[in-house]
PDB file of all heavy atoms in Angstrom:
ATOM      1  N   ALA A   1      -7.670  -3.271  -2.139  1.00  0.00           N
ATOM      2  CA  ALA A   1      -7.151  -4.523  -2.695  1.00  0.00           C
ATOM      3  C   ALA A   1      -5.640  -4.594  -2.525  1.00  0.00           C
ATOM      4  O   ALA A   1      -4.935  -3.580  -2.576  1.00  0.00           O
ATOM      5  CB  ALA A   1      -7.522  -4.625  -4.166  1.00  0.00           C
ATOM      6  N   GLU A   2      -5.147  -5.817  -2.331  1.00  0.00           N
ATOM      7  CA  GLU A   2      -3.704  -6.005  -2.138  1.00  0.00           C
ATOM      8  C   GLU A   2      -2.962  -6.150  -3.458  1.00  0.00           C
ATOM      9  O   GLU A   2      -1.731  -6.100  -3.481  1.00  0.00           O
ATOM     10  CB  GLU A   2      -3.464  -7.236  -1.266  1.00  0.00           C
ATOM     11  CG  GLU A   2      -4.005  -7.074   0.153  1.00  0.00           C
ATOM     12  CD  GLU A   2      -3.720  -8.288   1.019  1.00  0.00           C
ATOM     13  OE1 GLU A   2      -3.118  -9.247   0.501  1.00  0.00           O
ATOM     14  OE2 GLU A   2      -4.090  -8.272   2.200  1.00  0.00           O
ATOM     15  N   ALA A   3      -3.697  -6.347  -4.540  1.00  0.00           N
ATOM     16  CA  ALA A   3      -3.077  -6.466  -5.857  1.00  0.00           C
ATOM     17  C   ALA A   3      -3.997  -5.813  -6.876  1.00  0.00           C
ATOM     18  O   ALA A   3      -5.222  -5.790  -6.712  1.00  0.00           O
ATOM     19  CB  ALA A   3      -2.833  -7.930  -6.213  1.00  0.00           C
ATOM     20  N   ALA A   4      -3.398  -5.278  -7.923  1.00  0.00           N
ATOM     21  CA  ALA A   4      -4.159  -4.615  -8.978  1.00  0.00           C
ATOM     22  C   ALA A   4      -4.214  -5.492 -10.215  1.00  0.00           C
ATOM     23  O   ALA A   4      -3.257  -6.214 -10.524  1.00  0.00           O
ATOM     24  CB  ALA A   4      -3.515  -3.271  -9.322  1.00  0.00           C
ATOM     25  N   ALA A   5      -5.326  -5.427 -10.918  1.00  0.00           N
ATOM     26  CA  ALA A   5      -5.429  -6.115 -12.198  1.00  0.00           C
ATOM     27  C   ALA A   5      -4.401  -5.537 -13.165  1.00  0.00           C
ATOM     28  O   ALA A   5      -3.959  -4.386 -13.017  1.00  0.00           O
ATOM     29  CB  ALA A   5      -6.836  -5.963 -12.761  1.00  0.00           C
ATOM     30  N   ALA A   6      -4.031  -6.324 -14.139  1.00  0.00           N
ATOM     31  CA  ALA A   6      -2.969  -5.916 -15.070  1.00  0.00           C
ATOM     32  C   ALA A   6      -3.289  -4.595 -15.759  1.00  0.00           C
ATOM     33  O   ALA A   6      -2.380  -3.806 -16.079  1.00  0.00           O
ATOM     34  CB  ALA A   6      -2.747  -7.015 -16.102  1.00  0.00           C
ATOM     35  N   ASP A   7      -4.581  -4.340 -16.003  1.00  0.00           N
ATOM     36  CA  ASP A   7      -4.961  -3.121 -16.713  1.00  0.00           C
ATOM     37  C   ASP A   7      -5.369  -1.980 -15.781  1.00  0.00           C
ATOM     38  O   ASP A   7      -5.793  -0.921 -16.225  1.00  0.00           O
ATOM     39  CB  ASP A   7      -6.097  -3.411 -17.701  1.00  0.00           C
ATOM     40  CG  ASP A   7      -7.355  -3.941 -17.006  1.00  0.00           C
ATOM     41  OD1 ASP A   7      -7.268  -4.300 -15.818  1.00  0.00           O
ATOM     42  OD2 ASP A   7      -8.407  -4.001 -17.670  1.00  0.00           O
ATOM     43  N   ASP A   8      -5.228  -2.191 -14.470  1.00  0.00           N
ATOM     44  CA  ASP A   8      -5.621  -1.162 -13.506  1.00  0.00           C
ATOM     45  C   ASP A   8      -4.383  -0.395 -13.053  1.00  0.00           C
ATOM     46  O   ASP A   8      -3.857  -0.588 -11.955  1.00  0.00           O
ATOM     47  CB  ASP A   8      -6.329  -1.805 -12.311  1.00  0.00           C
ATOM     48  CG  ASP A   8      -7.007  -0.786 -11.397  1.00  0.00           C
ATOM     49  OD1 ASP A   8      -6.744   0.423 -11.566  1.00  0.00           O
ATOM     50  OD2 ASP A   8      -7.777  -1.198 -10.510  1.00  0.00           O
ATOM     51  N   TRP A   9      -3.907   0.502 -13.910  1.00  0.00           N
ATOM     52  CA  TRP A   9      -2.699   1.256 -13.614  1.00  0.00           C
ATOM     53  C   TRP A   9      -2.905   2.198 -12.421  1.00  0.00           C
ATOM     54  O   TRP A   9      -1.972   2.475 -11.660  1.00  0.00           O
ATOM     55  CB  TRP A   9      -2.245   2.069 -14.824  1.00  0.00           C
ATOM     56  CG  TRP A   9      -3.274   3.035 -15.324  1.00  0.00           C
ATOM     57  CD1 TRP A   9      -4.220   2.812 -16.293  1.00  0.00           C
ATOM     58  CD2 TRP A   9      -3.482   4.390 -14.883  1.00  0.00           C
ATOM     59  NE1 TRP A   9      -5.010   3.927 -16.471  1.00  0.00           N
ATOM     60  CE2 TRP A   9      -4.565   4.916 -15.623  1.00  0.00           C
ATOM     61  CE3 TRP A   9      -2.858   5.193 -13.941  1.00  0.00           C
ATOM     62  CZ2 TRP A   9      -5.049   6.210 -15.446  1.00  0.00           C
ATOM     63  CZ3 TRP A   9      -3.333   6.494 -13.759  1.00  0.00           C
ATOM     64  CH2 TRP A   9      -4.413   6.991 -14.518  1.00  0.00           C
ATOM     65  N   TYR A  10      -4.135   2.671 -12.251  1.00  0.00           N
ATOM     66  CA  TYR A  10      -4.426   3.627 -11.188  1.00  0.00           C
ATOM     67  C   TYR A  10      -4.176   2.999  -9.818  1.00  0.00           C
ATOM     68  O   TYR A  10      -3.414   3.535  -9.006  1.00  0.00           O
ATOM     69  CB  TYR A  10      -5.885   4.068 -11.334  1.00  0.00           C
ATOM     70  CG  TYR A  10      -6.257   5.328 -10.583  1.00  0.00           C
ATOM     71  CD1 TYR A  10      -6.128   6.578 -11.179  1.00  0.00           C
ATOM     72  CD2 TYR A  10      -6.778   5.275  -9.296  1.00  0.00           C
ATOM     73  CE1 TYR A  10      -6.500   7.734 -10.512  1.00  0.00           C
ATOM     74  CE2 TYR A  10      -7.140   6.420  -8.623  1.00  0.00           C
ATOM     75  CZ  TYR A  10      -7.007   7.656  -9.233  1.00  0.00           C
ATOM     76  OH  TYR A  10      -7.369   8.794  -8.562  1.00  0.00           O
ATOM     77  N   LEU A  11      -4.801   1.839  -9.571  1.00  0.00           N
ATOM     78  CA  LEU A  11      -4.571   1.137  -8.312  1.00  0.00           C
ATOM     79  C   LEU A  11      -3.135   0.649  -8.217  1.00  0.00           C
ATOM     80  O   LEU A  11      -2.519   0.697  -7.145  1.00  0.00           O
ATOM     81  CB  LEU A  11      -5.531  -0.042  -8.173  1.00  0.00           C
ATOM     82  CG  LEU A  11      -5.357  -0.922  -6.924  1.00  0.00           C
ATOM     83  CD1 LEU A  11      -5.485  -0.108  -5.646  1.00  0.00           C
ATOM     84  CD2 LEU A  11      -6.353  -2.074  -6.934  1.00  0.00           C
ATOM     85  N   GLY A  12      -2.574   0.219  -9.335  1.00  0.00           N
ATOM     86  CA  GLY A  12      -1.190  -0.238  -9.333  1.00  0.00           C
ATOM     87  C   GLY A  12      -0.236   0.830  -8.838  1.00  0.00           C
ATOM     88  O   GLY A  12       0.686   0.547  -8.058  1.00  0.00           O
ATOM     89  N   ASN A  13      -0.451   2.073  -9.268  1.00  0.00           N
ATOM     90  CA  ASN A  13       0.401   3.171  -8.805  1.00  0.00           C
ATOM     91  C   ASN A  13       0.275   3.383  -7.300  1.00  0.00           C
ATOM     92  O   ASN A  13       1.265   3.607  -6.601  1.00  0.00           O
ATOM     93  CB  ASN A  13       0.030   4.456  -9.543  1.00  0.00           C
ATOM     94  CG  ASN A  13       0.453   4.446 -10.992  1.00  0.00           C
ATOM     95  OD1 ASN A  13       1.293   3.647 -11.396  1.00  0.00           O
ATOM     96  ND2 ASN A  13      -0.125   5.323 -11.793  1.00  0.00           N
ATOM     97  N   ILE A  14      -0.962   3.344  -6.797  1.00  0.00           N
ATOM     98  CA  ILE A  14      -1.194   3.516  -5.359  1.00  0.00           C
ATOM     99  C   ILE A  14      -0.462   2.436  -4.571  1.00  0.00           C
ATOM    100  O   ILE A  14       0.220   2.717  -3.576  1.00  0.00           O
ATOM    101  CB  ILE A  14      -2.704   3.470  -5.059  1.00  0.00           C
ATOM    102  CG1 ILE A  14      -3.417   4.674  -5.679  1.00  0.00           C
ATOM    103  CG2 ILE A  14      -2.955   3.422  -3.551  1.00  0.00           C
ATOM    104  CD1 ILE A  14      -4.936   4.576  -5.643  1.00  0.00           C
ATOM    105  N   LEU A  15      -0.599   1.198  -5.026  1.00  0.00           N
ATOM    106  CA  LEU A  15       0.005   0.084  -4.296  1.00  0.00           C
ATOM    107  C   LEU A  15       1.530   0.137  -4.336  1.00  0.00           C
ATOM    108  O   LEU A  15       2.194  -0.183  -3.347  1.00  0.00           O
ATOM    109  CB  LEU A  15      -0.497  -1.240  -4.871  1.00  0.00           C
ATOM    110  CG  LEU A  15      -1.995  -1.520  -4.678  1.00  0.00           C
ATOM    111  CD1 LEU A  15      -2.382  -2.827  -5.350  1.00  0.00           C
ATOM    112  CD2 LEU A  15      -2.360  -1.545  -3.203  1.00  0.00           C
ATOM    113  N   ARG A  16       2.104   0.552  -5.463  1.00  0.00           N
ATOM    114  CA  ARG A  16       3.566   0.648  -5.554  1.00  0.00           C
ATOM    115  C   ARG A  16       4.091   1.728  -4.597  1.00  0.00           C
ATOM    116  O   ARG A  16       5.098   1.526  -3.911  1.00  0.00           O
ATOM    117  CB  ARG A  16       4.000   0.937  -6.993  1.00  0.00           C
ATOM    118  CG  ARG A  16       3.979  -0.305  -7.881  1.00  0.00           C
ATOM    119  CD  ARG A  16       4.668  -0.053  -9.204  1.00  0.00           C
ATOM    120  NE  ARG A  16       3.912   0.853 -10.070  1.00  0.00           N
ATOM    121  CZ  ARG A  16       2.920   0.461 -10.864  1.00  0.00           C
ATOM    122  NH1 ARG A  16       2.563  -0.809 -10.910  1.00  0.00           N
ATOM    123  NH2 ARG A  16       2.282   1.328 -11.628  1.00  0.00           N
ATOM    124  N   ASP A  17       3.419   2.856  -4.568  1.00  0.00           N
ATOM    125  CA  ASP A  17       3.852   3.921  -3.661  1.00  0.00           C
ATOM    126  C   ASP A  17       3.752   3.479  -2.204  1.00  0.00           C
ATOM    127  O   ASP A  17       4.674   3.694  -1.407  1.00  0.00           O
ATOM    128  CB  ASP A  17       2.999   5.170  -3.886  1.00  0.00           C
ATOM    129  CG  ASP A  17       3.478   6.011  -5.063  1.00  0.00           C
ATOM    130  OD1 ASP A  17       4.312   5.520  -5.834  1.00  0.00           O
ATOM    131  OD2 ASP A  17       3.006   7.150  -5.203  1.00  0.00           O
ATOM    132  N   ASP A  18       2.625   2.862  -1.856  1.00  0.00           N
ATOM    133  CA  ASP A  18       2.456   2.421  -0.474  1.00  0.00           C
ATOM    134  C   ASP A  18       3.449   1.319  -0.101  1.00  0.00           C
ATOM    135  O   ASP A  18       3.941   1.266   1.034  1.00  0.00           O
ATOM    136  CB  ASP A  18       1.019   1.942  -0.244  1.00  0.00           C
ATOM    137  CG  ASP A  18       0.049   3.095  -0.050  1.00  0.00           C
ATOM    138  OD1 ASP A  18       0.499   4.254   0.015  1.00  0.00           O
ATOM    139  OD2 ASP A  18      -1.169   2.842   0.053  1.00  0.00           O
ATOM    140  N   ALA A  19       3.754   0.437  -1.054  1.00  0.00           N
ATOM    141  CA  ALA A  19       4.722  -0.625  -0.772  1.00  0.00           C
ATOM    142  C   ALA A  19       6.098  -0.037  -0.460  1.00  0.00           C
ATOM    143  O   ALA A  19       6.789  -0.502   0.464  1.00  0.00           O
ATOM    144  CB  ALA A  19       4.809  -1.590  -1.956  1.00  0.00           C
ATOM    145  N   LEU A  20       6.481   0.990  -1.197  1.00  0.00           N
ATOM    146  CA  LEU A  20       7.774   1.628  -0.931  1.00  0.00           C
ATOM    147  C   LEU A  20       7.798   2.276   0.445  1.00  0.00           C
ATOM    148  O   LEU A  20       8.795   2.190   1.181  1.00  0.00           O
ATOM    149  CB  LEU A  20       8.072   2.672  -2.007  1.00  0.00           C
ATOM    150  CG  LEU A  20       8.504   2.125  -3.368  1.00  0.00           C
ATOM    151  CD1 LEU A  20       8.467   3.225  -4.417  1.00  0.00           C
ATOM    152  CD2 LEU A  20       9.908   1.531  -3.278  1.00  0.00           C
ATOM    153  N   LEU A  21       6.703   2.920   0.811  1.00  0.00           N
ATOM    154  CA  LEU A  21       6.645   3.543   2.128  1.00  0.00           C
ATOM    155  C   LEU A  21       6.658   2.481   3.223  1.00  0.00           C
ATOM    156  O   LEU A  21       7.346   2.640   4.243  1.00  0.00           O
ATOM    157  CB  LEU A  21       5.399   4.413   2.237  1.00  0.00           C
ATOM    158  CG  LEU A  21       5.216   5.161   3.567  1.00  0.00           C
ATOM    159  CD1 LEU A  21       6.432   6.013   3.905  1.00  0.00           C
ATOM    160  CD2 LEU A  21       3.956   6.017   3.516  1.00  0.00           C
ATOM    161  N   MET A  22       5.953   1.383   3.018  1.00  0.00           N
ATOM    162  CA  MET A  22       5.934   0.312   4.015  1.00  0.00           C
ATOM    163  C   MET A  22       7.314  -0.315   4.172  1.00  0.00           C
ATOM    164  O   MET A  22       7.735  -0.639   5.290  1.00  0.00           O
ATOM    165  CB  MET A  22       4.897  -0.739   3.623  1.00  0.00           C
ATOM    166  CG  MET A  22       3.466  -0.219   3.730  1.00  0.00           C
ATOM    167  SD  MET A  22       2.229  -1.317   2.991  1.00  0.00           S
ATOM    168  CE  MET A  22       2.115  -2.569   4.282  1.00  0.00           C
ATOM    169  N   GLU A  23       8.052  -0.451   3.064  1.00  0.00           N
ATOM    170  CA  GLU A  23       9.419  -0.962   3.152  1.00  0.00           C
ATOM    171  C   GLU A  23      10.297   0.000   3.959  1.00  0.00           C
ATOM    172  O   GLU A  23      11.122  -0.425   4.776  1.00  0.00           O
ATOM    173  CB  GLU A  23       9.991  -1.152   1.745  1.00  0.00           C
ATOM    174  CG  GLU A  23       9.366  -2.306   0.970  1.00  0.00           C
ATOM    175  CD  GLU A  23       9.803  -2.319  -0.476  1.00  0.00           C
ATOM    176  OE1 GLU A  23      10.723  -1.534  -0.838  1.00  0.00           O
ATOM    177  OE2 GLU A  23       9.228  -3.096  -1.266  1.00  0.00           O
ATOM    178  N   GLY A  24      10.125   1.290   3.698  1.00  0.00           N
ATOM    179  CA  GLY A  24      10.892   2.277   4.443  1.00  0.00           C
ATOM    180  C   GLY A  24      10.567   2.258   5.922  1.00  0.00           C
ATOM    181  O   GLY A  24      11.459   2.367   6.769  1.00  0.00           O
ATOM    182  N   LEU A  25       9.282   2.117   6.252  1.00  0.00           N
ATOM    183  CA  LEU A  25       8.888   2.045   7.656  1.00  0.00           C
ATOM    184  C   LEU A  25       9.445   0.787   8.322  1.00  0.00           C
ATOM    185  O   LEU A  25       9.886   0.831   9.475  1.00  0.00           O
ATOM    186  CB  LEU A  25       7.359   2.074   7.759  1.00  0.00           C
ATOM    187  CG  LEU A  25       6.700   3.417   7.416  1.00  0.00           C
ATOM    188  CD1 LEU A  25       5.186   3.251   7.292  1.00  0.00           C
ATOM    189  CD2 LEU A  25       7.033   4.483   8.465  1.00  0.00           C
ATOM    190  N   ALA A  26       9.426  -0.314   7.584  1.00  0.00           N
ATOM    191  CA  ALA A  26       9.982  -1.561   8.136  1.00  0.00           C
ATOM    192  C   ALA A  26      11.452  -1.390   8.469  1.00  0.00           C
ATOM    193  O   ALA A  26      11.939  -1.902   9.488  1.00  0.00           O
ATOM    194  CB  ALA A  26       9.769  -2.707   7.151  1.00  0.00           C
ATOM    195  N   ALA A  27      12.178  -0.670   7.602  1.00  0.00           N
ATOM    196  CA  ALA A  27      13.596  -0.425   7.866  1.00  0.00           C
ATOM    197  C   ALA A  27      13.790   0.419   9.127  1.00  0.00           C
ATOM    198  O   ALA A  27      14.860   0.377   9.750  1.00  0.00           O
ATOM    199  CB  ALA A  27      14.240   0.273   6.668  1.00  0.00           C
ATOM    200  N   GLU A  28      12.761   1.172   9.513  1.00  0.00           N
ATOM    201  CA  GLU A  28      12.809   1.974  10.742  1.00  0.00           C
ATOM    202  C   GLU A  28      12.227   1.220  11.937  1.00  0.00           C
ATOM    203  O   GLU A  28      12.055   1.784  13.019  1.00  0.00           O
ATOM    204  CB  GLU A  28      12.041   3.286  10.537  1.00  0.00           C
ATOM    205  CG  GLU A  28      12.588   4.180   9.440  1.00  0.00           C
ATOM    206  CD  GLU A  28      13.994   4.662   9.729  1.00  0.00           C
ATOM    207  OE1 GLU A  28      14.270   4.974  10.913  1.00  0.00           O
ATOM    208  OE2 GLU A  28      14.810   4.721   8.799  1.00  0.00           O
ATOM    209  N   GLY A  29      11.861  -0.059  11.717  1.00  0.00           N
ATOM    210  CA  GLY A  29      11.339  -0.871  12.804  1.00  0.00           C
ATOM    211  C   GLY A  29       9.850  -0.719  13.048  1.00  0.00           C
ATOM    212  O   GLY A  29       9.352  -1.091  14.117  1.00  0.00           O
ATOM    213  N   LEU A  30       9.126  -0.206  12.051  1.00  0.00           N
ATOM    214  CA  LEU A  30       7.689   0.023  12.198  1.00  0.00           C
ATOM    215  C   LEU A  30       6.916  -0.809  11.189  1.00  0.00           C
ATOM    216  O   LEU A  30       7.196  -0.763   9.985  1.00  0.00           O
ATOM    217  CB  LEU A  30       7.352   1.502  11.993  1.00  0.00           C
ATOM    218  CG  LEU A  30       7.936   2.489  13.003  1.00  0.00           C
ATOM    219  CD1 LEU A  30       7.675   3.917  12.570  1.00  0.00           C
ATOM    220  CD2 LEU A  30       7.370   2.236  14.401  1.00  0.00           C
ATOM    221  N   SER A  31       5.937  -1.546  11.653  1.00  0.00           N
ATOM    222  CA  SER A  31       5.053  -2.290  10.761  1.00  0.00           C
ATOM    223  C   SER A  31       3.917  -1.378  10.304  1.00  0.00           C
ATOM    224  O   SER A  31       3.570  -0.397  10.971  1.00  0.00           O
ATOM    225  CB  SER A  31       4.491  -3.526  11.464  1.00  0.00           C
ATOM    226  OG  SER A  31       3.787  -3.148  12.643  1.00  0.00           O
ATOM    227  N   ALA A  32       3.342  -1.698   9.157  1.00  0.00           N
ATOM    228  CA  ALA A  32       2.286  -0.841   8.610  1.00  0.00           C
ATOM    229  C   ALA A  32       1.246  -1.680   7.889  1.00  0.00           C
ATOM    230  O   ALA A  32       1.541  -2.775   7.388  1.00  0.00           O
ATOM    231  CB  ALA A  32       2.880   0.203   7.665  1.00  0.00           C
ATOM    232  N   GLN A  33       0.049  -1.135   7.817  1.00  0.00           N
ATOM    233  CA  GLN A  33      -1.057  -1.789   7.128  1.00  0.00           C
ATOM    234  C   GLN A  33      -1.926  -0.724   6.473  1.00  0.00           C
ATOM    235  O   GLN A  33      -2.157   0.339   7.061  1.00  0.00           O
ATOM    236  CB  GLN A  33      -1.896  -2.602   8.121  1.00  0.00           C
ATOM    237  CG  GLN A  33      -3.113  -3.286   7.521  1.00  0.00           C
ATOM    238  CD  GLN A  33      -3.883  -4.073   8.571  1.00  0.00           C
ATOM    239  OE1 GLN A  33      -3.290  -4.683   9.457  1.00  0.00           O
ATOM    240  NE2 GLN A  33      -5.201  -4.050   8.483  1.00  0.00           N
ATOM    241  N   ARG A  34      -2.407  -1.010   5.276  1.00  0.00           N
ATOM    242  CA  ARG A  34      -3.318  -0.094   4.595  1.00  0.00           C
ATOM    243  C   ARG A  34      -4.725  -0.291   5.171  1.00  0.00           C
ATOM    244  O   ARG A  34      -5.207  -1.415   5.273  1.00  0.00           O
ATOM    245  CB  ARG A  34      -3.300  -0.350   3.093  1.00  0.00           C
ATOM    246  CG  ARG A  34      -1.890  -0.230   2.512  1.00  0.00           C
ATOM    247  CD  ARG A  34      -1.821  -0.586   1.039  1.00  0.00           C
ATOM    248  NE  ARG A  34      -2.500   0.411   0.235  1.00  0.00           N
ATOM    249  CZ  ARG A  34      -3.652   0.224  -0.393  1.00  0.00           C
ATOM    250  NH1 ARG A  34      -4.270  -0.953  -0.315  1.00  0.00           N
ATOM    251  NH2 ARG A  34      -4.202   1.173  -1.111  1.00  0.00           N
ATOM    252  N   VAL A  35      -5.389   0.820   5.523  1.00  0.00           N
ATOM    253  CA  VAL A  35      -6.677   0.749   6.220  1.00  0.00           C
ATOM    254  C   VAL A  35      -7.641   1.772   5.630  1.00  0.00           C
ATOM    255  O   VAL A  35      -7.263   2.921   5.361  1.00  0.00           O
ATOM    256  CB  VAL A  35      -6.507   1.028   7.736  1.00  0.00           C
ATOM    257  CG1 VAL A  35      -7.824   0.851   8.468  1.00  0.00           C
ATOM    258  CG2 VAL A  35      -5.428   0.132   8.338  1.00  0.00           C
ATOM    259  N   ASP A  36      -8.885   1.357   5.455  1.00  0.00           N
ATOM    260  CA  ASP A  36      -9.952   2.261   5.028  1.00  0.00           C
ATOM    261  C   ASP A  36     -10.302   3.187   6.186  1.00  0.00           C
ATOM    262  O   ASP A  36     -10.708   2.739   7.254  1.00  0.00           O
ATOM    263  CB  ASP A  36     -11.171   1.431   4.606  1.00  0.00           C
ATOM    264  CG  ASP A  36     -12.409   2.271   4.296  1.00  0.00           C
ATOM    265  OD1 ASP A  36     -12.283   3.510   4.143  1.00  0.00           O
ATOM    266  OD2 ASP A  36     -13.504   1.679   4.207  1.00  0.00           O
ATOM    267  N   TRP A  37     -10.156   4.493   5.971  1.00  0.00           N
ATOM    268  CA  TRP A  37     -10.417   5.448   7.053  1.00  0.00           C
ATOM    269  C   TRP A  37     -11.846   5.336   7.581  1.00  0.00           C
ATOM    270  O   TRP A  37     -12.101   5.603   8.770  1.00  0.00           O
ATOM    271  CB  TRP A  37     -10.149   6.882   6.585  1.00  0.00           C
ATOM    272  CG  TRP A  37     -11.138   7.397   5.548  1.00  0.00           C
ATOM    273  CD1 TRP A  37     -10.994   7.342   4.197  1.00  0.00           C
ATOM    274  CD2 TRP A  37     -12.395   8.038   5.792  1.00  0.00           C
ATOM    275  NE1 TRP A  37     -12.089   7.906   3.573  1.00  0.00           N
ATOM    276  CE2 TRP A  37     -12.959   8.342   4.528  1.00  0.00           C
ATOM    277  CE3 TRP A  37     -13.109   8.379   6.938  1.00  0.00           C
ATOM    278  CZ2 TRP A  37     -14.199   8.972   4.382  1.00  0.00           C
ATOM    279  CZ3 TRP A  37     -14.345   9.009   6.794  1.00  0.00           C
ATOM    280  CH2 TRP A  37     -14.874   9.301   5.528  1.00  0.00           C
ATOM    281  N   ALA A  38     -12.798   4.918   6.734  1.00  0.00           N
ATOM    282  CA  ALA A  38     -14.205   4.907   7.119  1.00  0.00           C
ATOM    283  C   ALA A  38     -14.674   3.564   7.664  1.00  0.00           C
ATOM    284  O   ALA A  38     -15.869   3.401   7.936  1.00  0.00           O
ATOM    285  CB  ALA A  38     -15.067   5.304   5.921  1.00  0.00           C
ATOM    286  N   ASP A  39     -13.772   2.619   7.833  1.00  0.00           N
ATOM    287  CA  ASP A  39     -14.160   1.298   8.333  1.00  0.00           C
ATOM    288  C   ASP A  39     -14.600   1.420   9.802  1.00  0.00           C
ATOM    289  O   ASP A  39     -13.784   1.718  10.673  1.00  0.00           O
ATOM    290  CB  ASP A  39     -12.977   0.338   8.214  1.00  0.00           C
ATOM    291  CG  ASP A  39     -13.315  -1.088   8.616  1.00  0.00           C
ATOM    292  OD1 ASP A  39     -14.365  -1.295   9.265  1.00  0.00           O
ATOM    293  OD2 ASP A  39     -12.526  -2.001   8.300  1.00  0.00           O
ATOM    294  N   PRO A  40     -15.884   1.171  10.088  1.00  0.00           N
ATOM    295  CA  PRO A  40     -16.367   1.372  11.466  1.00  0.00           C
ATOM    296  C   PRO A  40     -15.837   0.348  12.454  1.00  0.00           C
ATOM    297  O   PRO A  40     -15.958   0.544  13.670  1.00  0.00           O
ATOM    298  CB  PRO A  40     -17.895   1.259  11.318  1.00  0.00           C
ATOM    299  CG  PRO A  40     -18.096   0.399  10.114  1.00  0.00           C
ATOM    300  CD  PRO A  40     -16.967   0.738   9.171  1.00  0.00           C
TER     301      PRO A  40
END
């Protein structure tokens, strides 16, 4: 999910961490996307 429910702190933490990493990658000229490893 791209957003977490207000009471879903677990997913919220994951998304905040990934957003920071994606911002850092963007500053290095790299685009990023979150992907399910098992998506066939």
